[in-house]
């Protein structure tokens, strides 16, 4: 995702909601790849570095732990190889399987 001018706050830095939305989207896709419907029950984000117009960011989701009912994920938001935000998410795994 490339940071656009309309994504900036009054200090000409990317609004924190931009990195949160990207990380939450990666989280949402990731939690639903283990065979059952899953929903978020807790998330948090730490913003480490400010972003500016033109910066290109990516999100990488990692499953840290999965149990029968919950999964814990870490999502790293990076600008090139630099970590700019760290998102932590807990998902509730329903009993409903994804159909093929």
Protein backbone atom coordinates (compact mmCIF):
# COMPACT_ATOMS: atom_id res chain seq x y z
CA UNK A 1 0.00 0.00 0.00
CA UNK A 2 1.33 3.42 -0.92
CA UNK A 3 0.64 6.31 1.45
CA UNK A 4 -1.31 9.03 -0.40
CA UNK A 5 -1.76 12.69 0.47
CA UNK A 6 -5.36 12.11 1.61
CA UNK A 7 -4.07 9.60 4.21
CA UNK A 8 -2.01 12.22 6.06
CA UNK A 9 -2.84 13.95 9.32
CA UNK A 10 -2.31 17.63 10.16
CA UNK A 11 1.42 17.01 10.71
CA UNK A 12 1.87 15.55 7.20
CA UNK A 13 2.33 12.04 8.61
CA UNK A 14 0.17 9.02 7.82
CA UNK A 15 -2.79 8.67 10.16
CA UNK A 16 -2.34 5.70 12.53
CA UNK A 17 -5.57 4.22 11.23
CA UNK A 18 -3.87 3.52 7.91
CA UNK A 19 -1.37 1.06 9.39
CA UNK A 20 -4.06 -0.34 11.69
CA UNK A 21 -6.43 -1.00 8.77
CA UNK A 22 -3.74 -2.73 6.73
CA UNK A 23 -2.67 -4.89 9.69
CA UNK A 24 -6.27 -5.71 10.65
CA UNK A 25 -7.01 -6.79 7.08
CA UNK A 26 -3.96 -9.09 7.06
CA UNK A 27 -5.10 -10.42 10.44
CA UNK A 28 -8.62 -11.07 9.15
CA UNK A 29 -7.38 -13.05 6.16
CA UNK A 30 -4.88 -14.98 8.25
CA UNK A 31 -7.29 -16.04 11.01
CA UNK A 32 -9.60 -17.58 8.43
CA UNK A 33 -7.02 -19.83 6.79
CA UNK A 34 -7.11 -22.65 9.33
CA UNK A 35 -10.31 -24.40 8.30
CA UNK A 36 -12.86 -22.69 10.53
CA UNK A 37 -14.59 -19.33 10.59
CA UNK A 38 -12.81 -17.00 13.00
CA UNK A 39 -13.44 -13.49 14.33
CA UNK A 40 -11.35 -10.95 16.17
CA UNK A 41 -11.80 -10.71 19.94
CA UNK A 42 -8.85 -8.44 20.80
CA UNK A 43 -6.36 -6.34 18.86
CA UNK A 44 -3.74 -3.73 19.60
CA UNK A 45 -1.10 -1.88 17.65
CA UNK A 46 2.14 -0.10 18.47
CA UNK A 47 3.26 2.56 16.01
CA UNK A 48 7.04 2.60 15.86
CA UNK A 49 7.88 4.97 13.04
CA UNK A 50 5.95 7.75 11.31
CA UNK A 51 5.06 7.37 7.64
CA UNK A 52 4.97 10.03 4.97
CA UNK A 53 3.36 10.51 1.59
CA UNK A 54 4.82 8.12 -0.96
CA UNK A 55 5.95 5.50 1.59
CA UNK A 56 5.09 1.95 0.54
CA UNK A 57 4.09 -0.42 3.36
CA UNK A 58 3.34 -4.13 3.60
CA UNK A 59 1.87 -6.36 6.30
CA UNK A 60 3.03 -9.86 7.18
CA UNK A 61 0.88 -12.00 9.49
CA UNK A 62 2.36 -14.78 11.61
CA UNK A 63 0.39 -17.34 13.58
CA UNK A 64 2.09 -17.52 16.99
CA UNK A 65 -0.24 -19.96 18.75
CA UNK A 66 -3.45 -21.78 17.90
CA UNK A 67 -5.72 -23.73 20.20
CA UNK A 68 -9.18 -25.20 19.70
CA UNK A 69 -11.01 -21.91 20.33
CA UNK A 70 -8.40 -19.13 20.03
CA UNK A 71 -5.47 -18.13 17.88
CA UNK A 72 -2.81 -15.50 18.62
CA UNK A 73 -1.24 -13.60 15.72
CA UNK A 74 1.50 -11.02 15.23
CA UNK A 75 1.32 -8.74 12.20
CA UNK A 76 4.37 -6.71 11.24
CA UNK A 77 3.84 -3.60 9.14
CA UNK A 78 7.02 -2.65 7.32
CA UNK A 79 8.37 0.04 5.04
CA UNK A 80 10.95 -1.90 3.01
CA UNK A 81 12.84 -3.78 5.76
CA UNK A 82 11.99 -1.32 8.54
CA UNK A 83 9.34 -2.24 11.10
CA UNK A 84 6.91 0.69 11.40
CA UNK A 85 4.06 -0.90 13.39
CA UNK A 86 3.47 -4.07 15.39
CA UNK A 87 -0.10 -5.41 15.62
CA UNK A 88 -1.18 -8.16 18.00
CA UNK A 89 -4.45 -9.99 17.53
CA UNK A 90 -6.45 -12.72 19.22
CA UNK A 91 -9.10 -14.55 17.22
CA UNK A 92 -12.00 -16.68 18.36
CA UNK A 93 -12.27 -19.82 16.23
CA UNK A 94 -15.91 -20.82 15.75
CA UNK A 95 -17.00 -24.42 15.33
CA UNK A 96 -18.20 -23.69 11.78
CA UNK A 97 -15.92 -25.13 9.08
CA UNK A 98 -15.20 -23.32 5.84
CA UNK A 99 -16.88 -25.16 2.97
CA UNK A 100 -14.86 -26.10 -0.06
